[in-house]
Amino acid sequence: MYLDEENQDKPLFLPTYEKDIKSISRPVLMSEAFSRKFNGYKVGQGQSEGAHNHVDSFDEYTSIIFEHCSEVKEKFPDIPIFVFGNSVGATIALLAEVQRPGLFKGLVLSGTLLLPAGGPPSFLRELTTRLFLGTFFPQIKLFDIEPWKITKQLNKVKRYSEDPLIHRFVKAQWAVSWMNAVMRLEDNLKFIDCPLLLLHGSADHISDVKSSREVFDKVKSSDKNIKVYPNLYHFLLLESEEERTTVLEDIINWLQRQLVVKSEDSGI
């Protein structure tokens, strides 16, 4: 990520995507909801201290986004901020927009997780998780996320499975925190009016594509687009090189259009 004076006229992107997004012609920060600041050191993930996959509230996630954005905006006040969120990261990005309207110039959301692919938990299961497991056994593991569900690419499934920094289990209190975040979004999606690009794989085995369609239908934004990619799984950017390139080009083209609109609005 470019954060020095020498490179302030260049795009700001995460190292993961930097080499793929050279065509952006104006400065932009794309702060992914599970970025370096999140993945390696985010609460409950990667090399972070304390219990893994545990938060009492998703506010613990959004507070890190706000801290990160404040640091960057202090140094580069004129750089527009676009957030990329994948899976739960997309849920967190939406929650951050609800909490700080106007902070972001746009959201790119991939595989937004509001509704699991298998459908919502039954009333009894949700009640048990909320009132019993989340309260008395918050650290208990409810289930593991099966690696084969993230992508069709077997080599990447293997790497994902063997990565020691990826904690694939879901704990009771984390599940309660996620359910609370989803409920909050259901009440507040109608107030979101920033530009949105929603991306989803039609064969997503983790998040139902209805999640992205619900966001598209409910947000106030007039500038919103949704793309559903046939036969792609949950992590679109972990699919084949051809499929991944298509997704990246869609993101780049959308960002280019947003930057043109911003330039026109500001008279540049």
C-alpha atoms as a PDB file:
ATOM      1  CA  MET A   1       0.000   0.000   0.000  1.00  0.00           C
ATOM      2  CA  TYR A   2       1.426   3.365  -0.949  1.00  0.00           C
ATOM      3  CA  LEU A   3       1.594   5.611   2.081  1.00  0.00           C
ATOM      4  CA  ASP A   4       4.711   7.701   1.415  1.00  0.00           C
ATOM      5  CA  GLU A   5       5.056  11.142  -0.127  1.00  0.00           C
ATOM      6  CA  GLU A   6       7.000   9.821  -3.109  1.00  0.00           C
ATOM      7  CA  ASN A   7       4.059   7.703  -4.241  1.00  0.00           C
ATOM      8  CA  GLN A   8       1.140   9.897  -3.189  1.00  0.00           C
ATOM      9  CA  ASP A   9       0.096  10.444  -6.818  1.00  0.00           C
ATOM     10  CA  LYS A  10      -0.302   6.714  -7.392  1.00  0.00           C
ATOM     11  CA  PRO A  11      -3.260   4.475  -6.627  1.00  0.00           C
ATOM     12  CA  LEU A  12      -3.448   3.116  -3.116  1.00  0.00           C
ATOM     13  CA  PHE A  13      -4.197  -0.561  -3.122  1.00  0.00           C
ATOM     14  CA  LEU A  14      -3.526  -3.569  -1.011  1.00  0.00           C
ATOM     15  CA  PRO A  15      -0.391  -5.468  -1.988  1.00  0.00           C
ATOM     16  CA  THR A  16      -2.561  -8.433  -2.992  1.00  0.00           C
ATOM     17  CA  TYR A  17      -4.283  -6.467  -5.742  1.00  0.00           C
ATOM     18  CA  GLU A  18      -1.723  -3.799  -6.504  1.00  0.00           C
ATOM     19  CA  LYS A  19      -0.240  -5.598  -9.507  1.00  0.00           C
ATOM     20  CA  ASP A  20      -3.683  -6.294 -10.924  1.00  0.00           C
ATOM     21  CA  ILE A  21      -5.065  -2.772 -10.852  1.00  0.00           C
ATOM     22  CA  LYS A  22      -2.555  -0.676 -12.730  1.00  0.00           C
ATOM     23  CA  SER A  23      -5.129   0.909 -14.988  1.00  0.00           C
ATOM     24  CA  ILE A  24      -6.655   3.152 -12.314  1.00  0.00           C
ATOM     25  CA  SER A  25      -5.555   6.603 -13.439  1.00  0.00           C
ATOM     26  CA  ARG A  26      -6.395   8.648 -10.340  1.00  0.00           C
ATOM     27  CA  PRO A  27      -5.476   8.233  -6.667  1.00  0.00           C
ATOM     28  CA  VAL A  28      -7.821   5.929  -4.781  1.00  0.00           C
ATOM     29  CA  LEU A  29      -7.698   3.949  -1.595  1.00  0.00           C
ATOM     30  CA  MET A  30      -9.288   0.541  -1.649  1.00  0.00           C
ATOM     31  CA  SER A  31      -9.374  -0.659   1.935  1.00  0.00           C
ATOM     32  CA  GLU A  32     -10.498  -4.273   1.996  1.00  0.00           C
ATOM     33  CA  ALA A  33     -12.516  -5.282   5.026  1.00  0.00           C
ATOM     34  CA  PHE A  34     -10.137  -8.158   5.695  1.00  0.00           C
ATOM     35  CA  SER A  35      -6.980  -6.329   4.592  1.00  0.00           C
ATOM     36  CA  ARG A  36      -3.439  -6.581   5.919  1.00  0.00           C
ATOM     37  CA  LYS A  37      -4.500  -4.481   8.898  1.00  0.00           C
ATOM     38  CA  PHE A  38      -7.335  -6.966   9.432  1.00  0.00           C
ATOM     39  CA  ASN A  39      -6.107 -10.382   8.279  1.00  0.00           C
ATOM     40  CA  GLY A  40      -2.762 -10.491   9.989  1.00  0.00           C
ATOM     41  CA  TYR A  41      -3.758  -8.626  13.113  1.00  0.00           C
ATOM     42  CA  LYS A  42      -7.557  -8.245  13.122  1.00  0.00           C
ATOM     43  CA  VAL A  43      -9.393  -9.110  16.291  1.00  0.00           C
ATOM     44  CA  GLY A  44      -9.746 -12.884  16.443  1.00  0.00           C
ATOM     45  CA  GLN A  45      -7.908 -13.623  13.197  1.00  0.00           C
ATOM     46  CA  GLY A  46      -4.459 -14.439  11.853  1.00  0.00           C
ATOM     47  CA  GLN A  47      -1.698 -13.621  14.337  1.00  0.00           C
ATOM     48  CA  SER A  48      -3.906 -11.523  16.601  1.00  0.00           C
ATOM     49  CA  GLU A  49      -3.715 -12.047  20.330  1.00  0.00           C
ATOM     50  CA  GLY A  50      -6.500 -13.554  22.371  1.00  0.00           C
ATOM     51  CA  ALA A  51      -9.225 -15.996  21.369  1.00  0.00           C
ATOM     52  CA  HIS A  52      -9.563 -16.612  17.665  1.00  0.00           C
ATOM     53  CA  ASN A  53     -12.895 -16.137  15.905  1.00  0.00           C
ATOM     54  CA  HIS A  54     -14.421 -14.363  18.860  1.00  0.00           C
ATOM     55  CA  VAL A  55     -15.896 -10.878  19.113  1.00  0.00           C
ATOM     56  CA  ASP A  56     -18.586  -9.570  21.411  1.00  0.00           C
ATOM     57  CA  SER A  57     -19.821  -7.228  18.688  1.00  0.00           C
ATOM     58  CA  PHE A  58     -19.042  -6.491  15.046  1.00  0.00           C
ATOM     59  CA  ASP A  59     -18.307  -2.951  16.235  1.00  0.00           C
ATOM     60  CA  GLU A  60     -14.889  -4.373  17.106  1.00  0.00           C
ATOM     61  CA  TYR A  61     -14.345  -4.852  13.364  1.00  0.00           C
ATOM     62  CA  THR A  62     -15.738  -1.542  12.169  1.00  0.00           C
ATOM     63  CA  SER A  63     -13.700   0.389  14.728  1.00  0.00           C
ATOM     64  CA  ILE A  64     -10.533  -0.908  13.030  1.00  0.00           C
ATOM     65  CA  ILE A  65     -11.805   0.279   9.644  1.00  0.00           C
ATOM     66  CA  PHE A  66     -12.466   3.761  11.029  1.00  0.00           C
ATOM     67  CA  GLU A  67      -9.064   3.877  12.688  1.00  0.00           C
ATOM     68  CA  HIS A  68      -7.349   2.820   9.470  1.00  0.00           C
ATOM     69  CA  CYS A  69      -9.269   5.293   7.315  1.00  0.00           C
ATOM     70  CA  SER A  70      -8.593   8.142   9.756  1.00  0.00           C
ATOM     71  CA  GLU A  71      -4.862   7.458   9.584  1.00  0.00           C
ATOM     72  CA  VAL A  72      -4.850   7.489   5.791  1.00  0.00           C
ATOM     73  CA  LYS A  73      -7.157  10.505   5.400  1.00  0.00           C
ATOM     74  CA  GLU A  74      -5.003  12.501   7.794  1.00  0.00           C
ATOM     75  CA  LYS A  75      -2.057  12.015   5.452  1.00  0.00           C
ATOM     76  CA  PHE A  76      -3.968  12.032   2.149  1.00  0.00           C
ATOM     77  CA  PRO A  77      -7.142  14.086   2.781  1.00  0.00           C
ATOM     78  CA  ASP A  78      -8.145  14.331  -0.892  1.00  0.00           C
ATOM     79  CA  ILE A  79      -8.003  10.620  -1.664  1.00  0.00           C
ATOM     80  CA  PRO A  80     -11.443   8.995  -2.039  1.00  0.00           C
ATOM     81  CA  ILE A  81     -11.942   5.816  -0.051  1.00  0.00           C
ATOM     82  CA  PHE A  82     -13.518   2.773  -1.653  1.00  0.00           C
ATOM     83  CA  VAL A  83     -13.977  -0.314   0.503  1.00  0.00           C
ATOM     84  CA  PHE A  84     -13.753  -3.867  -0.800  1.00  0.00           C
ATOM     85  CA  GLY A  85     -15.376  -6.467   1.415  1.00  0.00           C
ATOM     86  CA  ASN A  86     -15.553 -10.203   0.800  1.00  0.00           C
ATOM     87  CA  SER A  87     -17.950 -12.575   2.569  1.00  0.00           C
ATOM     88  CA  VAL A  88     -18.284 -11.445   6.197  1.00  0.00           C
ATOM     89  CA  GLY A  89     -15.987  -8.575   5.211  1.00  0.00           C
ATOM     90  CA  ALA A  90     -18.798  -7.312   2.989  1.00  0.00           C
ATOM     91  CA  THR A  91     -21.201  -7.513   5.910  1.00  0.00           C
ATOM     92  CA  ILE A  92     -18.728  -5.510   8.000  1.00  0.00           C
ATOM     93  CA  ALA A  93     -18.270  -2.947   5.210  1.00  0.00           C
ATOM     94  CA  LEU A  94     -22.040  -2.395   5.039  1.00  0.00           C
ATOM     95  CA  LEU A  95     -22.196  -2.006   8.804  1.00  0.00           C
ATOM     96  CA  ALA A  96     -19.370   0.544   8.670  1.00  0.00           C
ATOM     97  CA  GLU A  97     -21.275   2.552   6.049  1.00  0.00           C
ATOM     98  CA  VAL A  98     -24.356   2.511   8.281  1.00  0.00           C
ATOM     99  CA  GLN A  99     -22.298   3.760  11.228  1.00  0.00           C
ATOM    100  CA  ARG A 100     -20.356   6.425   9.296  1.00  0.00           C
ATOM    101  CA  PRO A 101     -22.470   7.589   6.334  1.00  0.00           C
ATOM    102  CA  GLY A 102     -20.446   9.512   3.781  1.00  0.00           C
ATOM    103  CA  LEU A 103     -17.047   8.217   4.840  1.00  0.00           C
ATOM    104  CA  PHE A 104     -16.745   5.977   1.788  1.00  0.00           C
ATOM    105  CA  LYS A 105     -17.086   6.991  -1.853  1.00  0.00           C
ATOM    106  CA  GLY A 106     -18.262   3.518  -2.753  1.00  0.00           C
ATOM    107  CA  LEU A 107     -18.431  -0.127  -1.714  1.00  0.00           C
ATOM    108  CA  VAL A 108     -17.388  -3.187  -3.707  1.00  0.00           C
ATOM    109  CA  LEU A 109     -18.977  -6.197  -2.029  1.00  0.00           C
ATOM    110  CA  SER A 110     -18.245  -9.793  -2.976  1.00  0.00           C
ATOM    111  CA  GLY A 111     -20.222 -12.745  -1.646  1.00  0.00           C
ATOM    112  CA  THR A 112     -21.995 -10.645   0.981  1.00  0.00           C
ATOM    113  CA  LEU A 113     -22.997 -12.893   3.864  1.00  0.00           C
ATOM    114  CA  LEU A 114     -26.436 -12.009   5.198  1.00  0.00           C
ATOM    115  CA  LEU A 115     -28.122 -15.318   4.439  1.00  0.00           C
ATOM    116  CA  PRO A 116     -26.223 -18.636   4.588  1.00  0.00           C
ATOM    117  CA  ALA A 117     -26.459 -20.849   1.509  1.00  0.00           C
ATOM    118  CA  GLY A 118     -28.348 -23.464   3.505  1.00  0.00           C
ATOM    119  CA  GLY A 119     -30.951 -20.944   4.601  1.00  0.00           C
ATOM    120  CA  PRO A 120     -31.356 -19.082   7.904  1.00  0.00           C
ATOM    121  CA  PRO A 121     -30.966 -20.989  11.176  1.00  0.00           C
ATOM    122  CA  SER A 122     -34.165 -22.415  12.573  1.00  0.00           C
ATOM    123  CA  PHE A 123     -35.889 -20.467  15.312  1.00  0.00           C
ATOM    124  CA  LEU A 124     -34.904 -23.091  17.890  1.00  0.00           C
ATOM    125  CA  ARG A 125     -31.280 -23.132  16.778  1.00  0.00           C
ATOM    126  CA  GLU A 126     -31.028 -19.340  16.829  1.00  0.00           C
ATOM    127  CA  LEU A 127     -32.677 -19.173  20.239  1.00  0.00           C
ATOM    128  CA  THR A 128     -30.343 -21.849  21.613  1.00  0.00           C
ATOM    129  CA  THR A 129     -27.288 -20.082  20.201  1.00  0.00           C
ATOM    130  CA  ARG A 130     -28.319 -16.655  21.472  1.00  0.00           C
ATOM    131  CA  LEU A 131     -29.622 -17.450  24.935  1.00  0.00           C
ATOM    132  CA  PHE A 132     -27.650 -20.540  25.909  1.00  0.00           C
ATOM    133  CA  LEU A 133     -24.471 -21.213  23.935  1.00  0.00           C
ATOM    134  CA  GLY A 134     -23.525 -17.585  23.335  1.00  0.00           C
ATOM    135  CA  THR A 135     -24.075 -16.749  27.001  1.00  0.00           C
ATOM    136  CA  PHE A 136     -22.675 -19.773  28.828  1.00  0.00           C
ATOM    137  CA  PHE A 137     -20.346 -21.316  26.228  1.00  0.00           C
ATOM    138  CA  PRO A 138     -19.223 -18.410  23.989  1.00  0.00           C
ATOM    139  CA  GLN A 139     -16.034 -20.198  22.909  1.00  0.00           C
ATOM    140  CA  ILE A 140     -17.696 -23.426  21.831  1.00  0.00           C
ATOM    141  CA  LYS A 141     -17.157 -24.271  18.157  1.00  0.00           C
ATOM    142  CA  LEU A 142     -20.436 -24.640  16.283  1.00  0.00           C
ATOM    143  CA  PHE A 143     -19.032 -25.791  12.950  1.00  0.00           C
ATOM    144  CA  ASP A 144     -16.130 -25.541  10.522  1.00  0.00           C
ATOM    145  CA  ILE A 145     -16.224 -23.816   7.135  1.00  0.00           C
ATOM    146  CA  GLU A 146     -15.412 -26.546   4.629  1.00  0.00           C
ATOM    147  CA  PRO A 147     -12.542 -25.434   2.347  1.00  0.00           C
ATOM    148  CA  TRP A 148     -14.030 -26.977  -0.805  1.00  0.00           C
ATOM    149  CA  LYS A 149     -16.823 -24.400  -0.622  1.00  0.00           C
ATOM    150  CA  ILE A 150     -14.589 -21.395  -1.263  1.00  0.00           C
ATOM    151  CA  THR A 151     -13.437 -22.122  -4.837  1.00  0.00           C
ATOM    152  CA  LYS A 152     -13.449 -24.740  -7.591  1.00  0.00           C
ATOM    153  CA  GLN A 153      -9.646 -24.533  -7.800  1.00  0.00           C
ATOM    154  CA  LEU A 154      -8.308 -27.548  -5.893  1.00  0.00           C
ATOM    155  CA  ASN A 155      -4.792 -26.142  -5.492  1.00  0.00           C
ATOM    156  CA  LYS A 156      -6.208 -23.062  -3.790  1.00  0.00           C
ATOM    157  CA  VAL A 157      -8.479 -25.178  -1.617  1.00  0.00           C
ATOM    158  CA  LYS A 158      -5.377 -27.064  -0.480  1.00  0.00           C
ATOM    159  CA  ARG A 159      -3.490 -23.841   0.289  1.00  0.00           C
ATOM    160  CA  TYR A 160      -6.488 -22.478   2.167  1.00  0.00           C
ATOM    161  CA  SER A 161      -6.777 -25.692   4.205  1.00  0.00           C
ATOM    162  CA  GLU A 162      -3.091 -25.655   5.136  1.00  0.00           C
ATOM    163  CA  ASP A 163      -2.804 -21.935   5.944  1.00  0.00           C
ATOM    164  CA  PRO A 164      -2.092 -21.704   9.706  1.00  0.00           C
ATOM    165  CA  LEU A 165      -3.404 -18.124   9.839  1.00  0.00           C
ATOM    166  CA  ILE A 166      -6.877 -19.078   8.656  1.00  0.00           C
ATOM    167  CA  HIS A 167      -9.199 -20.167  11.443  1.00  0.00           C
ATOM    168  CA  ARG A 168     -12.140 -21.867   9.766  1.00  0.00           C
ATOM    169  CA  PHE A 169     -14.319 -22.595  12.768  1.00  0.00           C
ATOM    170  CA  VAL A 170     -17.312 -20.557  13.899  1.00  0.00           C
ATOM    171  CA  LYS A 171     -17.833 -20.002  17.610  1.00  0.00           C
ATOM    172  CA  ALA A 172     -21.085 -19.391  19.456  1.00  0.00           C
ATOM    173  CA  GLN A 173     -20.559 -15.769  20.501  1.00  0.00           C
ATOM    174  CA  TRP A 174     -19.181 -14.848  17.069  1.00  0.00           C
ATOM    175  CA  ALA A 175     -22.348 -16.325  15.524  1.00  0.00           C
ATOM    176  CA  VAL A 176     -24.486 -14.231  17.892  1.00  0.00           C
ATOM    177  CA  SER A 177     -22.501 -11.115  16.956  1.00  0.00           C
ATOM    178  CA  TRP A 178     -22.986 -11.866  13.262  1.00  0.00           C
ATOM    179  CA  MET A 179     -26.745 -12.378  13.717  1.00  0.00           C
ATOM    180  CA  ASN A 180     -26.946  -9.062  15.563  1.00  0.00           C
ATOM    181  CA  ALA A 181     -25.065  -7.329  12.748  1.00  0.00           C
ATOM    182  CA  VAL A 182     -27.408  -8.805  10.148  1.00  0.00           C
ATOM    183  CA  MET A 183     -30.456  -7.672  12.118  1.00  0.00           C
ATOM    184  CA  ARG A 184     -29.021  -4.188  12.345  1.00  0.00           C
ATOM    185  CA  LEU A 185     -28.401  -4.111   8.611  1.00  0.00           C
ATOM    186  CA  GLU A 186     -31.899  -5.315   7.829  1.00  0.00           C
ATOM    187  CA  ASP A 187     -33.180  -2.246   9.679  1.00  0.00           C
ATOM    188  CA  ASN A 188     -30.706   0.187   8.106  1.00  0.00           C
ATOM    189  CA  LEU A 189     -30.001  -0.905   4.516  1.00  0.00           C
ATOM    190  CA  LYS A 190     -32.660   1.537   3.355  1.00  0.00           C
ATOM    191  CA  PHE A 191     -30.484   4.430   4.532  1.00  0.00           C
ATOM    192  CA  ILE A 192     -27.366   3.477   2.552  1.00  0.00           C
ATOM    193  CA  ASP A 193     -26.968   5.763  -0.459  1.00  0.00           C
ATOM    194  CA  CYS A 194     -23.306   5.468  -1.487  1.00  0.00           C
ATOM    195  CA  PRO A 195     -22.396   3.830  -4.845  1.00  0.00           C
ATOM    196  CA  LEU A 196     -22.400   0.040  -4.670  1.00  0.00           C
ATOM    197  CA  LEU A 197     -21.016  -2.783  -6.784  1.00  0.00           C
ATOM    198  CA  LEU A 198     -22.349  -6.158  -5.637  1.00  0.00           C
ATOM    199  CA  LEU A 199     -20.634  -9.329  -6.866  1.00  0.00           C
ATOM    200  CA  HIS A 200     -21.716 -12.906  -6.227  1.00  0.00           C
ATOM    201  CA  GLY A 201     -21.109 -16.405  -7.564  1.00  0.00           C
ATOM    202  CA  SER A 202     -24.227 -18.288  -8.590  1.00  0.00           C
ATOM    203  CA  ALA A 203     -22.762 -21.510  -7.124  1.00  0.00           C
ATOM    204  CA  ASP A 204     -21.798 -19.951  -3.784  1.00  0.00           C
ATOM    205  CA  HIS A 205     -22.017 -22.703  -1.138  1.00  0.00           C
ATOM    206  CA  ILE A 206     -21.485 -20.352   1.805  1.00  0.00           C
ATOM    207  CA  SER A 207     -23.554 -17.240   1.154  1.00  0.00           C
ATOM    208  CA  ASP A 208     -26.872 -17.361  -0.656  1.00  0.00           C
ATOM    209  CA  VAL A 209     -26.928 -15.047  -3.677  1.00  0.00           C
ATOM    210  CA  LYS A 210     -30.151 -13.695  -2.178  1.00  0.00           C
ATOM    211  CA  SER A 211     -27.901 -11.806   0.247  1.00  0.00           C
ATOM    212  CA  SER A 212     -26.564  -9.575  -2.526  1.00  0.00           C
ATOM    213  CA  ARG A 213     -29.973  -9.245  -4.148  1.00  0.00           C
ATOM    214  CA  GLU A 214     -31.485  -8.162  -0.828  1.00  0.00           C
ATOM    215  CA  VAL A 215     -28.854  -5.459  -0.450  1.00  0.00           C
ATOM    216  CA  PHE A 216     -29.427  -4.324  -4.038  1.00  0.00           C
ATOM    217  CA  ASP A 217     -33.185  -4.136  -3.559  1.00  0.00           C
ATOM    218  CA  LYS A 218     -33.175  -2.387  -0.176  1.00  0.00           C
ATOM    219  CA  VAL A 219     -30.433   0.244  -0.337  1.00  0.00           C
ATOM    220  CA  LYS A 220     -31.338   3.822  -1.108  1.00  0.00           C
ATOM    221  CA  SER A 221     -28.462   4.208  -3.574  1.00  0.00           C
ATOM    222  CA  SER A 222     -29.387   5.189  -7.105  1.00  0.00           C
ATOM    223  CA  ASP A 223     -25.885   4.234  -8.282  1.00  0.00           C
ATOM    224  CA  LYS A 224     -25.835   0.484  -7.723  1.00  0.00           C
ATOM    225  CA  ASN A 225     -24.900  -2.526  -9.818  1.00  0.00           C
ATOM    226  CA  ILE A 226     -25.093  -6.247  -9.232  1.00  0.00           C
ATOM    227  CA  LYS A 227     -23.224  -8.976 -11.105  1.00  0.00           C
ATOM    228  CA  VAL A 228     -23.844 -12.680 -10.593  1.00  0.00           C
ATOM    229  CA  TYR A 229     -21.161 -14.911 -12.110  1.00  0.00           C
ATOM    230  CA  PRO A 230     -22.383 -18.293 -13.400  1.00  0.00           C
ATOM    231  CA  ASN A 231     -20.921 -21.342 -11.637  1.00  0.00           C
ATOM    232  CA  LEU A 232     -18.482 -19.398  -9.448  1.00  0.00           C
ATOM    233  CA  TYR A 233     -18.099 -20.210  -5.764  1.00  0.00           C
ATOM    234  CA  HIS A 234     -17.718 -17.996  -2.700  1.00  0.00           C
ATOM    235  CA  PHE A 235     -14.281 -16.403  -3.166  1.00  0.00           C
ATOM    236  CA  LEU A 236     -14.494 -14.976  -6.675  1.00  0.00           C
ATOM    237  CA  LEU A 237     -10.863 -13.862  -6.714  1.00  0.00           C
ATOM    238  CA  LEU A 238      -9.704 -17.410  -5.936  1.00  0.00           C
ATOM    239  CA  GLU A 239     -11.289 -18.905  -9.024  1.00  0.00           C
ATOM    240  CA  SER A 240      -9.437 -19.684 -12.270  1.00  0.00           C
ATOM    241  CA  GLU A 241      -7.194 -17.004 -13.737  1.00  0.00           C
ATOM    242  CA  GLU A 242      -9.680 -16.317 -16.535  1.00  0.00           C
ATOM    243  CA  GLU A 243     -12.612 -16.017 -14.134  1.00  0.00           C
ATOM    244  CA  ARG A 244     -10.598 -13.965 -11.675  1.00  0.00           C
ATOM    245  CA  THR A 245      -9.504 -11.602 -14.436  1.00  0.00           C
ATOM    246  CA  THR A 246     -13.120 -11.070 -15.466  1.00  0.00           C
ATOM    247  CA  VAL A 247     -14.075 -10.148 -11.900  1.00  0.00           C
ATOM    248  CA  LEU A 248     -11.101  -7.804 -11.518  1.00  0.00           C
ATOM    249  CA  GLU A 249     -11.900  -6.081 -14.811  1.00  0.00           C
ATOM    250  CA  ASP A 250     -15.462  -5.513 -13.650  1.00  0.00           C
ATOM    251  CA  ILE A 251     -14.157  -3.963 -10.428  1.00  0.00           C
ATOM    252  CA  ILE A 252     -11.625  -1.805 -12.258  1.00  0.00           C
ATOM    253  CA  ASN A 253     -14.172  -0.565 -14.801  1.00  0.00           C
ATOM    254  CA  TRP A 254     -16.621   0.309 -12.037  1.00  0.00           C
ATOM    255  CA  LEU A 255     -13.966   2.189 -10.094  1.00  0.00           C
ATOM    256  CA  GLN A 256     -12.909   4.067 -13.211  1.00  0.00           C
ATOM    257  CA  ARG A 257     -16.481   5.197 -13.758  1.00  0.00           C
ATOM    258  CA  GLN A 258     -16.782   6.283 -10.119  1.00  0.00           C
ATOM    259  CA  LEU A 259     -13.609   8.347 -10.366  1.00  0.00           C
ATOM    260  CA  VAL A 260     -14.822  10.010 -13.560  1.00  0.00           C
ATOM    261  CA  VAL A 261     -18.098  10.917 -11.864  1.00  0.00           C
ATOM    262  CA  LYS A 262     -16.209  12.262  -8.842  1.00  0.00           C
ATOM    263  CA  SER A 263     -13.979  14.376 -11.120  1.00  0.00           C
ATOM    264  CA  GLU A 264     -16.984  15.790 -12.945  1.00  0.00           C
ATOM    265  CA  ASP A 265     -18.790  16.563  -9.683  1.00  0.00           C
ATOM    266  CA  SER A 266     -15.771  18.386  -8.296  1.00  0.00           C
ATOM    267  CA  GLY A 267     -15.117  20.246 -11.539  1.00  0.00           C
ATOM    268  CA  ILE A 268     -11.714  18.663 -12.101  1.00  0.00           C
END
